[in-house]
Protein backbone atom coordinates (compact mmCIF):
# COMPACT_ATOMS: atom_id res chain seq x y z
CA MET A 1 0.00 0.00 0.00
CA ILE A 2 1.14 3.54 -0.58
CA TYR A 3 1.82 5.08 2.76
CA THR A 4 2.59 8.71 1.96
CA VAL A 5 3.49 11.00 -0.88
CA SER A 6 5.55 14.16 -0.63
CA ARG A 7 6.84 16.55 -3.26
CA THR A 8 9.71 18.96 -3.63
CA LYS A 9 10.14 21.46 -6.44
CA PHE A 10 13.36 23.06 -7.62
CA TYR A 11 13.38 25.45 -10.56
CA GLY A 12 10.55 23.73 -12.36
CA ILE A 13 11.64 20.15 -11.63
CA SER A 14 9.32 18.23 -9.38
CA LYS A 15 10.37 15.15 -7.48
CA PHE A 16 7.89 12.91 -5.71
CA TYR A 17 8.88 10.60 -2.89
CA VAL A 18 6.60 7.61 -2.61
CA ILE A 19 6.97 5.52 0.54
CA PHE A 20 5.61 2.01 0.71
CA MET A 21 4.88 0.21 3.96
CA GLN A 22 4.82 -3.53 3.53
CA PRO A 23 5.73 -4.93 6.97
CA PRO A 24 8.45 -5.63 7.77
CA VAL A 25 9.90 -3.80 4.71
CA LEU A 26 10.00 0.00 4.30
CA MET A 27 10.92 1.13 0.81
CA MET A 28 11.31 4.67 -0.51
CA THR A 29 11.81 5.69 -4.11
CA SER A 30 11.73 8.93 -6.03
CA ILE A 31 10.27 9.85 -9.37
CA ARG A 32 11.26 12.85 -11.46
CA THR A 33 8.31 14.12 -13.45
CA THR A 34 8.50 16.16 -16.61
CA SER A 35 4.88 17.21 -16.93
CA PHE A 36 1.72 17.34 -14.91
CA LYS A 37 -0.38 16.94 -18.01
CA TYR A 38 -0.95 13.24 -17.50
CA GLY A 39 -0.20 13.01 -13.78
CA ILE A 40 2.67 10.96 -12.36
CA PRO A 41 4.14 8.43 -14.83
CA LEU A 42 4.14 5.38 -12.58
CA LEU A 43 5.15 2.00 -13.96
CA LYS A 44 4.29 -1.26 -12.23
CA SER A 45 7.82 -2.56 -12.71
CA GLN A 46 9.14 0.39 -10.72
CA PHE A 47 7.04 -0.26 -7.69
CA ASN A 48 6.87 -4.04 -7.12
CA GLY A 49 3.42 -4.23 -8.70
CA ALA A 50 1.97 -1.27 -6.83
CA VAL A 51 -0.04 1.25 -8.82
CA TRP A 52 -1.18 4.82 -8.14
CA PRO A 53 -4.11 4.63 -5.72
CA LYS A 54 -7.49 6.15 -6.33
CA LEU A 55 -7.96 9.60 -4.95
CA LYS A 56 -10.34 8.48 -2.19
CA ARG A 57 -7.86 5.92 -0.93
CA PHE A 58 -5.03 8.41 -0.81
CA ARG A 59 -7.04 10.86 1.25
CA ASN A 60 -7.26 8.36 4.09
CA PHE A 61 -3.65 9.09 4.99
CA THR A 62 -1.89 12.14 6.30
CA ARG A 63 1.29 13.65 4.85
CA TYR A 64 3.19 11.98 7.70
CA GLY A 65 1.91 8.50 6.91
CA ARG A 66 -0.40 8.13 9.91
CA PRO A 67 -4.02 7.19 9.20
CA SER A 68 -6.32 10.18 9.56
CA GLU A 69 -9.98 10.98 9.39
CA LYS A 70 -11.31 11.30 5.86
CA ALA A 71 -11.32 14.94 4.79
CA PRO A 72 -14.83 16.38 4.88
CA LYS A 73 -16.49 16.51 1.51
CA ILE A 74 -17.61 19.98 0.50
CA SER A 75 -21.13 20.54 -0.79
CA PRO A 76 -21.93 21.63 -4.38
CA LEU A 77 -22.75 25.07 -3.00
CA GLN A 78 -19.35 25.29 -1.30
CA ALA A 79 -17.65 24.11 -4.51
CA THR A 80 -19.40 26.83 -6.48
CA SER A 81 -18.37 29.40 -3.89
CA ILE A 82 -14.70 28.37 -4.31
CA LEU A 83 -14.93 28.50 -8.10
CA GLN A 84 -16.55 31.93 -8.12
CA ALA A 85 -14.32 33.56 -5.48
CA ASN A 86 -12.04 35.33 -7.98
CA GLU A 87 -14.37 35.79 -10.94
CA LYS A 88 -15.11 39.14 -12.55
CA ILE A 89 -17.20 40.38 -15.48
CA TYR A 90 -16.51 43.73 -17.12
CA GLU A 91 -19.22 45.05 -19.42
CA VAL A 92 -17.99 47.56 -22.01
CA MET A 93 -20.58 50.35 -21.87
CA LYS A 94 -18.81 52.89 -24.10
CA PRO A 95 -20.04 52.74 -27.73
CA GLY A 96 -17.58 52.37 -30.55
CA SER A 97 -15.55 49.56 -28.97
CA VAL A 98 -14.82 46.21 -30.58
CA LEU A 99 -15.16 44.50 -27.18
CA LYS A 100 -18.53 43.77 -25.68
CA SER A 101 -17.47 42.26 -22.36
CA ILE A 102 -14.57 40.52 -20.61
CA ASP A 103 -14.86 37.59 -18.17
CA TRP A 104 -11.92 36.44 -16.08
CA ASN A 105 -11.19 34.10 -13.18
CA GLN A 106 -8.37 32.27 -11.39
CA LEU A 107 -8.16 29.06 -9.39
CA ALA A 108 -5.02 28.37 -7.38
CA SER A 109 -3.14 25.11 -7.14
CA ASN A 110 0.11 26.46 -5.73
CA ASN A 111 0.11 28.31 -2.44
CA PRO A 112 0.63 31.14 -3.13
CA LEU A 113 -0.88 31.32 -6.60
CA GLU A 114 1.90 31.66 -9.20
CA ASP A 115 -0.33 32.94 -12.03
CA SER A 116 -1.17 36.62 -12.52
CA LEU A 117 -3.32 38.55 -14.96
CA ALA A 118 -3.64 42.16 -16.06
CA ILE A 119 -6.33 43.89 -18.09
CA ALA A 120 -6.18 47.55 -19.05
CA LYS A 121 -7.95 50.09 -21.22
CA LEU A 122 -5.74 52.48 -23.18
CA CYS A 123 -6.28 56.22 -23.03
CA ASP A 124 -8.16 56.24 -26.36
CA ASN A 125 -10.93 54.29 -24.51
CA ARG A 126 -11.30 51.95 -27.48
CA SER A 127 -8.17 49.80 -27.27
CA TYR A 128 -7.43 47.11 -24.70
CA LEU A 129 -4.50 45.11 -23.41
CA LEU A 130 -5.11 41.70 -21.84
CA GLY A 131 -2.31 39.65 -20.31
CA VAL A 132 -1.94 36.26 -18.63
CA PHE A 133 1.32 35.49 -16.81
CA ASP A 134 2.20 31.99 -15.61
CA GLY A 135 4.98 32.08 -13.02
CA HIS A 136 7.39 29.34 -11.98
CA GLY A 137 9.92 29.16 -9.20
CA GLY A 138 7.57 31.38 -7.17
CA PRO A 139 5.06 34.13 -7.97
CA ALA A 140 7.48 37.10 -7.94
CA CYS A 141 8.19 37.49 -11.66
CA ALA A 142 4.57 37.00 -12.75
CA ARG A 143 3.35 39.58 -10.24
CA VAL A 144 5.91 42.14 -11.36
CA LEU A 145 4.95 41.61 -15.01
CA ALA A 146 1.26 42.02 -14.22
CA LYS A 147 2.07 45.31 -12.52
CA ARG A 148 4.49 46.75 -15.09
CA LEU A 149 4.40 45.19 -18.56
CA LEU A 150 1.15 46.71 -19.87
CA SER A 151 2.42 50.21 -19.06
CA TYR A 152 5.60 49.51 -21.01
CA ILE A 153 3.54 48.33 -23.98
CA ALA A 154 1.32 51.41 -23.82
CA ALA A 155 4.38 53.69 -23.67
CA SER A 156 5.86 51.88 -26.68
CA LEU A 157 2.85 52.60 -28.90
CA PRO A 158 3.58 55.64 -31.09
CA SER A 159 -0.02 56.80 -30.72
CA GLN A 160 0.45 57.29 -26.98
CA HIS A 161 1.45 60.72 -25.73
CA VAL A 162 4.16 61.13 -23.11
CA SER A 163 1.75 61.25 -20.22
CA SER A 164 1.13 59.41 -16.98
CA LEU A 165 -2.40 58.60 -18.20
CA LEU A 166 -1.35 55.88 -20.63
CA LEU A 167 -3.88 53.34 -19.50
CA GLU A 168 -6.51 52.48 -16.91
CA GLN A 169 -5.69 49.23 -15.13
CA MET A 170 -8.90 47.23 -14.67
CA THR A 171 -7.40 44.48 -12.51
CA PRO A 172 -5.75 44.97 -9.10
CA THR A 173 -1.96 44.74 -8.99
CA THR A 174 0.43 43.73 -6.22
CA GLU A 175 1.46 46.51 -3.85
CA PHE A 176 5.17 46.39 -3.06
CA ARG A 177 7.20 48.11 -0.36
CA PRO A 178 7.76 51.86 -0.89
CA GLU A 179 11.41 51.36 -1.86
CA ILE A 180 10.40 48.96 -4.64
CA GLU A 181 7.49 51.10 -5.83
CA SER A 182 9.89 54.04 -6.09
CA LEU A 183 12.36 51.97 -8.11
CA TYR A 184 9.69 50.80 -10.53
CA ALA A 185 8.35 54.35 -10.99
CA HIS A 186 11.89 55.67 -11.55
CA GLU A 187 12.68 53.01 -14.14
CA PHE A 188 9.42 53.46 -16.02
CA ASN A 189 9.84 57.22 -16.24
CA GLN A 190 13.31 56.73 -17.72
CA TYR A 191 12.01 54.17 -20.20
CA HIS A 192 9.05 56.32 -21.15
CA ALA A 193 11.24 59.35 -21.79
CA SER A 194 13.57 57.47 -24.13
CA VAL A 195 11.25 54.88 -25.66
CA SER A 196 11.01 56.69 -29.00
CA HIS A 197 14.78 56.37 -29.48
CA LEU A 198 14.69 52.74 -28.34
CA ARG A 199 11.81 51.94 -30.70
CA ASP A 200 13.63 53.56 -33.63
CA THR A 201 16.80 51.63 -32.78
CA LEU A 202 15.02 48.30 -32.69
CA SER A 203 13.06 49.10 -35.85
CA ASN A 204 16.35 48.87 -37.76
CA ASP A 205 16.20 45.14 -37.12
CA GLU A 206 15.43 43.47 -40.46
CA SER A 207 13.04 41.07 -38.75
CA GLN A 208 10.85 44.04 -37.81
CA CYS A 209 10.66 45.65 -41.25
CA SER A 210 7.30 44.04 -42.05
CA MET A 211 5.80 44.77 -38.62
CA ASP A 212 3.32 47.54 -37.97
CA SER A 213 3.61 49.89 -35.00
CA THR A 214 1.57 47.70 -32.63
CA GLU A 215 3.64 44.62 -33.33
CA ARG A 216 6.89 46.56 -32.86
CA ALA A 217 5.57 48.06 -29.61
CA LEU A 218 4.82 44.61 -28.18
CA LEU A 219 8.20 43.28 -29.22
CA THR A 220 10.02 46.34 -27.88
CA ALA A 221 8.21 46.29 -24.55
CA PHE A 222 8.72 42.54 -23.96
CA GLU A 223 12.46 42.69 -24.59
CA ALA A 224 12.95 45.99 -22.74
CA MET A 225 11.00 44.76 -19.71
CA ASP A 226 13.12 41.63 -19.43
CA GLN A 227 16.32 43.63 -19.88
CA GLN A 228 15.21 46.03 -17.18
CA LEU A 229 14.48 43.20 -14.74
CA SER A 230 18.05 42.01 -15.37
CA GLU A 231 19.67 45.39 -14.89
CA GLU A 232 17.70 46.14 -11.72
CA ALA A 233 18.83 42.87 -10.14
CA LEU A 234 22.45 43.34 -11.26
CA ALA A 235 22.55 46.90 -9.96
CA PHE A 236 21.79 45.89 -6.38
CA LEU A 237 23.69 42.61 -6.56
CA LEU A 238 26.92 43.96 -8.03
CA GLY A 239 26.86 47.58 -6.90
CA PRO A 240 29.57 49.77 -8.49
CA GLU A 241 30.99 46.77 -10.37
CA MET A 242 27.88 46.55 -12.51
CA SER A 243 29.23 48.95 -15.14
CA GLU A 244 32.27 46.73 -15.65
CA ILE A 245 30.12 43.64 -16.01
CA LEU A 246 27.69 45.09 -18.54
CA GLN A 247 30.51 46.56 -20.67
CA ARG A 248 28.07 48.46 -22.87
CA VAL A 249 25.93 51.56 -22.97
CA PRO A 250 22.44 50.78 -21.66
CA ARG A 251 19.60 51.21 -24.10
CA TRP A 252 18.11 53.90 -21.89
CA ASP A 253 19.52 56.33 -19.37
CA TRP A 254 20.42 53.99 -16.52
CA LYS A 255 21.26 56.00 -13.40
CA PRO A 256 23.44 54.19 -10.80
CA TRP A 257 21.45 53.94 -7.59
CA TRP A 258 24.54 52.82 -5.69
CA ALA A 259 26.02 56.34 -6.00
CA ASP A 260 23.85 57.32 -3.04
CA ALA A 261 24.33 54.38 -0.67
CA PHE A 262 21.53 53.61 1.75
CA PRO A 263 22.23 50.12 3.19
CA SER A 264 18.79 49.23 4.57
CA ARG A 265 17.03 50.38 1.41
CA ASP A 266 19.53 48.69 -0.87
CA LYS A 267 19.20 45.38 1.00
CA VAL A 268 15.44 45.38 0.48
CA LEU A 269 15.94 46.20 -3.19
CA GLN A 270 18.61 43.54 -3.61
CA LEU A 271 16.42 40.78 -2.17
CA SER A 272 13.34 41.89 -4.11
CA THR A 273 14.98 42.35 -7.50
CA LEU A 274 16.98 39.11 -7.14
CA SER A 275 13.90 37.06 -6.23
CA THR A 276 12.17 38.41 -9.33
CA ALA A 277 15.23 37.69 -11.48
CA MET A 278 15.68 34.12 -10.22
CA SER A 279 12.01 33.22 -10.60
CA GLY A 280 10.42 33.33 -14.05
CA ALA A 281 7.19 33.66 -15.96
CA VAL A 282 5.73 33.00 -19.39
CA ALA A 283 3.26 35.47 -20.84
CA THR A 284 0.58 35.98 -23.47
CA VAL A 285 -0.61 39.54 -24.08
CA ALA A 286 -3.32 40.63 -26.53
CA HIS A 287 -3.72 44.12 -27.97
CA ILE A 288 -7.26 44.62 -29.30
CA SER A 289 -8.16 47.76 -31.23
CA SER A 290 -10.76 48.28 -33.94
CA ASN A 291 -10.83 45.01 -35.89
CA ASN A 292 -7.18 44.18 -35.18
CA LEU A 293 -6.10 41.51 -32.73
CA VAL A 294 -2.35 41.26 -32.10
CA ILE A 295 -0.94 38.57 -29.79
CA ALA A 296 2.52 38.54 -28.22
CA ASN A 297 3.40 35.14 -26.80
CA THR A 298 6.44 34.04 -24.81
CA GLY A 299 6.30 30.52 -23.38
CA ASP A 300 3.39 28.10 -23.08
CA CYS A 301 0.30 30.16 -22.30
CA GLN A 302 -2.15 30.13 -25.20
CA ALA A 303 -4.66 32.35 -26.97
CA VAL A 304 -7.48 30.69 -28.92
CA LEU A 305 -10.02 32.45 -31.14
CA GLY A 306 -13.60 31.17 -31.21
CA TYR A 307 -15.49 31.69 -34.47
CA LEU A 308 -18.70 30.51 -36.12
CA SER A 309 -18.26 28.58 -39.36
CA GLU A 310 -20.59 29.04 -42.31
CA ASP A 311 -22.51 25.92 -41.31
CA GLY A 312 -23.10 27.33 -37.82
CA THR A 313 -20.60 25.12 -35.98
CA TRP A 314 -17.92 26.44 -33.66
CA GLY A 315 -14.31 26.58 -34.82
CA ALA A 316 -11.12 27.13 -32.81
CA LEU A 317 -8.04 28.96 -34.11
CA LYS A 318 -4.84 28.74 -32.05
CA LEU A 319 -2.98 32.03 -32.20
CA GLY A 320 0.63 30.93 -31.95
CA LYS A 321 2.46 27.88 -30.66
CA GLU A 322 3.85 26.94 -27.26
CA HIS A 323 7.58 27.46 -26.84
CA THR A 324 8.39 24.05 -25.41
CA SER A 325 10.20 20.92 -26.58
CA GLU A 326 6.95 19.78 -28.21
CA ASN A 327 7.38 22.54 -30.80
CA PRO A 328 9.96 21.27 -33.37
CA SER A 329 10.70 24.73 -34.80
CA GLU A 330 11.39 26.06 -31.31
CA VAL A 331 13.76 23.18 -30.58
CA GLU A 332 15.57 23.83 -33.85
CA ARG A 333 15.87 27.53 -32.96
CA LEU A 334 17.43 26.61 -29.63
CA TYR A 335 19.90 24.21 -31.23
CA SER A 336 20.89 26.79 -33.85
CA GLU A 337 21.94 29.27 -31.14
CA HIS A 338 24.47 26.92 -29.51
CA PRO A 339 27.37 24.75 -30.71
CA ARG A 340 26.65 21.28 -32.03
CA SER A 341 28.72 19.91 -29.16
CA GLU A 342 25.91 20.96 -26.78
CA ARG A 343 23.12 19.10 -28.58
CA ASP A 344 23.04 16.40 -25.92
CA THR A 345 22.97 18.83 -23.00
CA VAL A 346 21.11 22.00 -24.03
CA LEU A 347 17.85 20.02 -24.06
CA ARG A 348 17.57 17.07 -21.68
CA MET A 349 14.41 15.26 -20.53
CA ASP A 350 12.45 17.73 -22.71
CA ARG A 351 13.70 20.61 -20.54
CA LEU A 352 16.19 23.41 -21.01
CA LEU A 353 19.48 22.14 -19.50
CA GLY A 354 17.35 19.41 -17.93
CA GLN A 355 15.53 21.90 -15.70
CA LEU A 356 13.13 24.37 -17.33
CA MET A 357 10.05 23.37 -19.35
CA PRO A 358 9.41 26.60 -21.35
CA LEU A 359 12.09 27.52 -23.85
CA ARG A 360 11.21 31.23 -23.69
CA ALA A 361 10.44 33.16 -20.51
CA PHE A 362 10.85 36.38 -18.59
CA GLY A 363 13.27 36.33 -15.67
CA ASP A 364 15.12 33.03 -15.06
CA PHE A 365 18.43 34.89 -15.39
CA ARG A 366 20.30 31.86 -14.13
CA PHE A 367 19.85 30.73 -17.75
CA LYS A 368 20.84 34.12 -19.22
CA TRP A 369 23.61 35.83 -17.24
CA PRO A 370 27.31 35.15 -17.96
CA ARG A 371 28.73 32.21 -16.03
CA HIS A 372 31.20 34.32 -14.06
CA VAL A 373 28.34 36.55 -12.82
CA LEU A 374 26.54 33.49 -11.46
CA GLU A 375 29.74 32.11 -9.89
CA LYS A 376 30.94 35.35 -8.31
CA TRP A 377 27.72 37.02 -7.18
CA VAL A 378 24.71 34.65 -7.34
CA ILE A 379 26.13 31.43 -5.88
CA PRO A 380 27.29 33.16 -2.64
CA VAL A 381 23.67 34.25 -2.13
CA LEU A 382 21.71 31.24 -3.41
CA GLY A 383 24.21 28.37 -3.31
CA GLU A 384 25.77 26.06 -5.89
CA SER A 385 22.39 24.96 -7.25
CA ALA A 386 21.95 28.41 -8.85
CA LEU A 387 24.35 27.37 -11.62
CA PRO A 388 22.84 24.79 -14.02
CA GLN A 389 24.90 21.87 -15.20
CA ASN A 390 26.53 22.15 -18.63
CA TYR A 391 26.29 25.95 -18.53
CA LYS A 392 28.69 26.84 -21.34
CA THR A 393 27.31 29.34 -23.88
CA PRO A 394 24.65 31.55 -22.29
CA PRO A 395 22.17 32.99 -22.82
CA TYR A 396 20.04 29.87 -23.21
CA LEU A 397 16.73 31.64 -22.69
CA SER A 398 15.00 34.62 -24.27
CA ALA A 399 11.85 36.65 -23.55
CA ARG A 400 11.48 37.63 -27.22
CA PRO A 401 7.83 37.03 -28.09
CA GLU A 402 6.23 35.43 -31.10
CA ILE A 403 3.90 38.02 -32.69
CA ILE A 404 0.63 36.89 -34.28
CA LYS A 405 -1.72 39.30 -36.02
CA HIS A 406 -5.33 38.54 -36.90
CA THR A 407 -7.93 40.75 -38.60
CA LEU A 408 -11.29 40.20 -36.92
CA SER A 409 -14.38 39.39 -38.96
CA PRO A 410 -18.05 39.27 -37.89
CA ARG A 411 -17.73 35.49 -37.55
CA ASP A 412 -15.12 35.90 -34.80
CA LYS A 413 -17.00 35.88 -31.48
CA PHE A 414 -14.42 35.73 -28.67
CA VAL A 415 -10.81 35.06 -27.72
CA VAL A 416 -9.73 32.94 -24.75
CA ILE A 417 -6.32 33.59 -23.17
CA ALA A 418 -5.28 31.14 -20.47
CA SER A 419 -2.34 29.61 -18.64
CA ASP A 420 -1.43 26.00 -19.35
CA GLY A 421 -3.40 24.90 -16.29
CA LEU A 422 -6.48 25.08 -18.52
CA TRP A 423 -4.94 23.70 -21.72
CA ASP A 424 -3.59 20.67 -19.83
CA LEU A 425 -7.21 19.69 -19.11
CA LEU A 426 -9.17 20.91 -22.15
CA SER A 427 -8.33 21.17 -25.84
CA PRO A 428 -8.84 24.42 -27.79
CA THR A 429 -11.83 22.86 -29.57
CA GLN A 430 -13.43 21.88 -26.26
CA VAL A 431 -12.82 25.35 -24.82
CA VAL A 432 -14.39 27.12 -27.81
CA ARG A 433 -17.42 24.79 -27.78
CA LEU A 434 -17.97 25.34 -24.05
CA VAL A 435 -17.74 29.12 -24.36
CA GLY A 436 -20.00 29.06 -27.43
CA GLU A 437 -22.65 27.04 -25.59
CA HIS A 438 -22.24 29.35 -22.61
CA MET A 439 -22.92 32.35 -24.87
CA SER A 440 -26.19 30.78 -26.06
CA GLY A 441 -27.27 29.95 -22.54
CA ARG A 442 -26.43 33.37 -21.16
CA VAL A 443 -28.29 35.17 -23.94
CA ALA A 444 -31.34 32.97 -23.34
CA LEU A 445 -31.51 34.14 -19.71
CA GLY A 446 -32.17 37.72 -20.81
CA PRO A 447 -35.61 39.14 -21.66
CA LEU A 448 -37.11 38.25 -25.03
CA THR A 449 -37.10 41.31 -27.29
CA LEU A 450 -38.78 41.42 -30.69
CA PRO A 451 -37.10 43.15 -33.62
CA PRO A 452 -38.57 46.46 -34.83
CA GLY A 453 -41.29 46.40 -37.48
CA ASP A 454 -43.81 43.73 -38.33
CA VAL A 455 -42.97 40.24 -37.12
CA THR A 456 -44.76 37.14 -38.39
CA LEU A 457 -45.94 34.29 -36.19
CA GLU A 458 -43.48 32.02 -37.94
CA GLU A 459 -40.59 34.33 -36.99
CA ILE A 460 -41.79 34.54 -33.38
CA ASN A 461 -42.09 30.75 -33.23
CA LYS A 462 -38.52 30.42 -34.53
CA MET A 463 -37.26 32.86 -31.89
CA LEU A 464 -39.05 30.93 -29.13
CA GLN A 465 -37.58 27.66 -30.38
CA GLN A 466 -34.07 29.13 -30.33
CA ARG A 467 -34.72 30.45 -26.83
CA ARG A 468 -35.79 26.99 -25.62
CA GLU A 469 -32.61 25.49 -27.08
CA GLY A 470 -30.59 28.17 -25.31
CA LEU A 471 -32.31 27.56 -22.00
CA SER A 472 -31.44 23.87 -22.26
CA LYS A 473 -27.78 25.00 -22.23
CA ARG A 474 -28.30 27.42 -19.35
CA PRO A 475 -25.00 27.48 -17.48
CA LEU A 476 -24.54 27.17 -13.74
CA ASP A 477 -22.11 30.11 -13.91
CA THR A 478 -22.75 33.47 -15.54
CA ASN A 479 -18.98 33.93 -15.91
CA ALA A 480 -17.54 32.06 -18.90
CA ALA A 481 -14.11 31.67 -17.28
CA THR A 482 -15.72 30.02 -14.24
CA HIS A 483 -17.75 27.84 -16.59
CA LEU A 484 -14.51 26.64 -18.19
CA ILE A 485 -12.84 25.89 -14.86
CA ARG A 486 -15.88 23.90 -13.70
CA HIS A 487 -15.83 21.78 -16.86
CA ALA A 488 -12.06 21.38 -16.79
CA LEU A 489 -12.27 19.83 -13.32
CA ALA A 490 -15.59 17.99 -13.37
CA SER A 491 -16.40 17.11 -16.97
CA THR A 492 -16.96 13.42 -17.76
CA GLU A 493 -18.31 11.51 -20.74
CA THR A 494 -21.79 11.70 -19.22
CA GLY A 495 -21.66 15.34 -18.14
CA LEU A 496 -20.56 17.25 -15.06
CA ASP A 497 -19.76 15.15 -11.99
CA PRO A 498 -20.37 17.22 -8.82
CA ASP A 499 -18.70 14.58 -6.64
CA ARG A 500 -15.52 14.78 -8.71
CA LEU A 501 -15.56 18.57 -8.48
CA SER A 502 -16.04 18.52 -4.71
CA GLU A 503 -13.27 15.98 -4.30
CA LEU A 504 -10.75 17.95 -6.38
CA LEU A 505 -11.56 21.18 -4.55
CA SER A 506 -11.15 19.43 -1.18
CA LEU A 507 -7.54 18.37 -1.79
CA PRO A 508 -4.98 19.75 0.70
CA ASP A 509 -2.33 22.17 -0.55
CA ASP A 510 0.47 19.60 -0.55
CA VAL A 511 -1.50 17.21 -2.78
CA VAL A 512 -3.51 19.32 -5.22
CA ARG A 513 -0.44 20.10 -7.37
CA LEU A 514 -0.24 16.42 -8.29
CA PHE A 515 -3.54 16.72 -10.15
CA ARG A 516 -3.63 20.19 -11.71
CA ASP A 517 -1.78 23.48 -12.11
CA ASP A 518 -2.88 27.04 -11.35
CA ILE A 519 -5.59 28.10 -13.79
CA THR A 520 -6.02 31.65 -15.08
CA ILE A 521 -8.52 32.49 -17.85
CA VAL A 522 -9.58 35.66 -19.66
CA VAL A 523 -12.51 35.46 -22.12
CA SER A 524 -13.10 38.54 -24.29
CA TYR A 525 -16.27 38.83 -26.38
CA PHE A 526 -16.35 40.81 -29.62
CA ASP A 527 -19.20 43.10 -30.69
CA THR A 528 -20.52 41.57 -33.92
CA ASP A 529 -22.41 44.74 -34.89
CA TYR A 530 -19.20 46.75 -34.60
CA LEU A 531 -17.30 44.25 -36.75
CA LEU A 532 -20.08 44.30 -39.37
CA LYS A 533 -19.83 48.09 -39.60
CA SER A 534 -16.04 47.87 -39.96
CA LEU A 535 -16.36 45.74 -43.12
CA PRO A 536 -15.98 47.40 -46.51
CA GLN A 537 -19.44 48.22 -47.89
CA SER A 538 -19.10 45.67 -50.68
CA ASN A 539 -18.44 42.85 -48.19
CA GLN A 540 -21.41 43.49 -45.91
CA GLU A 541 -24.18 40.97 -46.23
């Protein structure tokens, strides 16, 4: 029988210790997992015929191996309360916007939650930025990105004036200590003042020649934000020696904070900036304006467009690919940036240097900084484990995003942006179908309104029939993101299983990560009438 299970995590690698008690023999073994997508890859030959127990059986034991009382089962009402705790719906009331409404929600697996999200309206009141950030190695990097990145994107857009009113943040952001808030404000002001020069410099890159201003702004902001996270951490880690290490002119006017030494302040800043630099995060950000949807993706979050086909069925369009070892072109890119002699080490066990799953990410500077920086300054603070094995030709990691542009049509109904906690459980096609059905059910709950002018009995009968079909799909949740989380956890071949949902939401913190990841979802609905008006006159039906 399995007696207890414990888990440790180190820079994205999880190791599970499974202890078997078969009197008089006590055996302990460890398993290194590479993905939570299919749970723990147990093999009978590894465990003397033992197999992974059912969830109910496992819950009869404590983390220390002593039998305990069965954890109380929560009611369906309690389960719904947990699912809806972080949900939010934003209705776009201002006319002339391509967005109709935005639903979002989060469900934690890690404690604390390592995902973050940010949604903002630009100062033109018609353009929006929506971002999902999936952190690893702790929540620090994802939280900093949620607080800062959208402002950097807004400042990088040529249409934005040099003003503090670049955007209106619609989601709450983490509040940091005053010293850190001051640093972030100082750095943004410097970036904002010189972003035009930086944008012009980067626009000389041949790879950007075919990009429009929005695409260049996203690319500029992603790379500049990551570079700034690096320089902030180096400044308080290295002090006056930073200038010698960088050996270049910064891309914006970096002012040395160490010139005015203040030990207690600098210690706080060193610990904060280093924790952000050593943790990491992947990100997907959407810029939506008029009928243009531009996605910037770094890592393995995903954006999926839901559209109605001509035959009335739902279709799913993935906007971009995950930057992991499952993407052959991404693997080839990684190999091309390092000597052939490193082919056996740069990617091991489907992970970067055998440790990191995403092949692009913010932060994670232990895969980016020069080796001597890690040896001289980082190892004394964090220990030998801060230096990966086979670290020969850094940088191995980049935050450079993949840019995907899509022109919206009246058939495009919504876009779903989510962390991999959702995509591990549901396919893009399933997600689009669920949101599409949720749309029909939510519309059916509203009052029946007849179109202007004369309406025949046949037309009224057709409307009533459509309403009945919609009511049959009436969702338990008014929020589409919550609806997706419920189905991701409790969906079976025969429908939703409330017992399964209650059981998964009852798992203790040290067990739940075995079954799912943090889940963060943003669902944005498009205004079909607006998109119809944006069509050329000859194309309107």
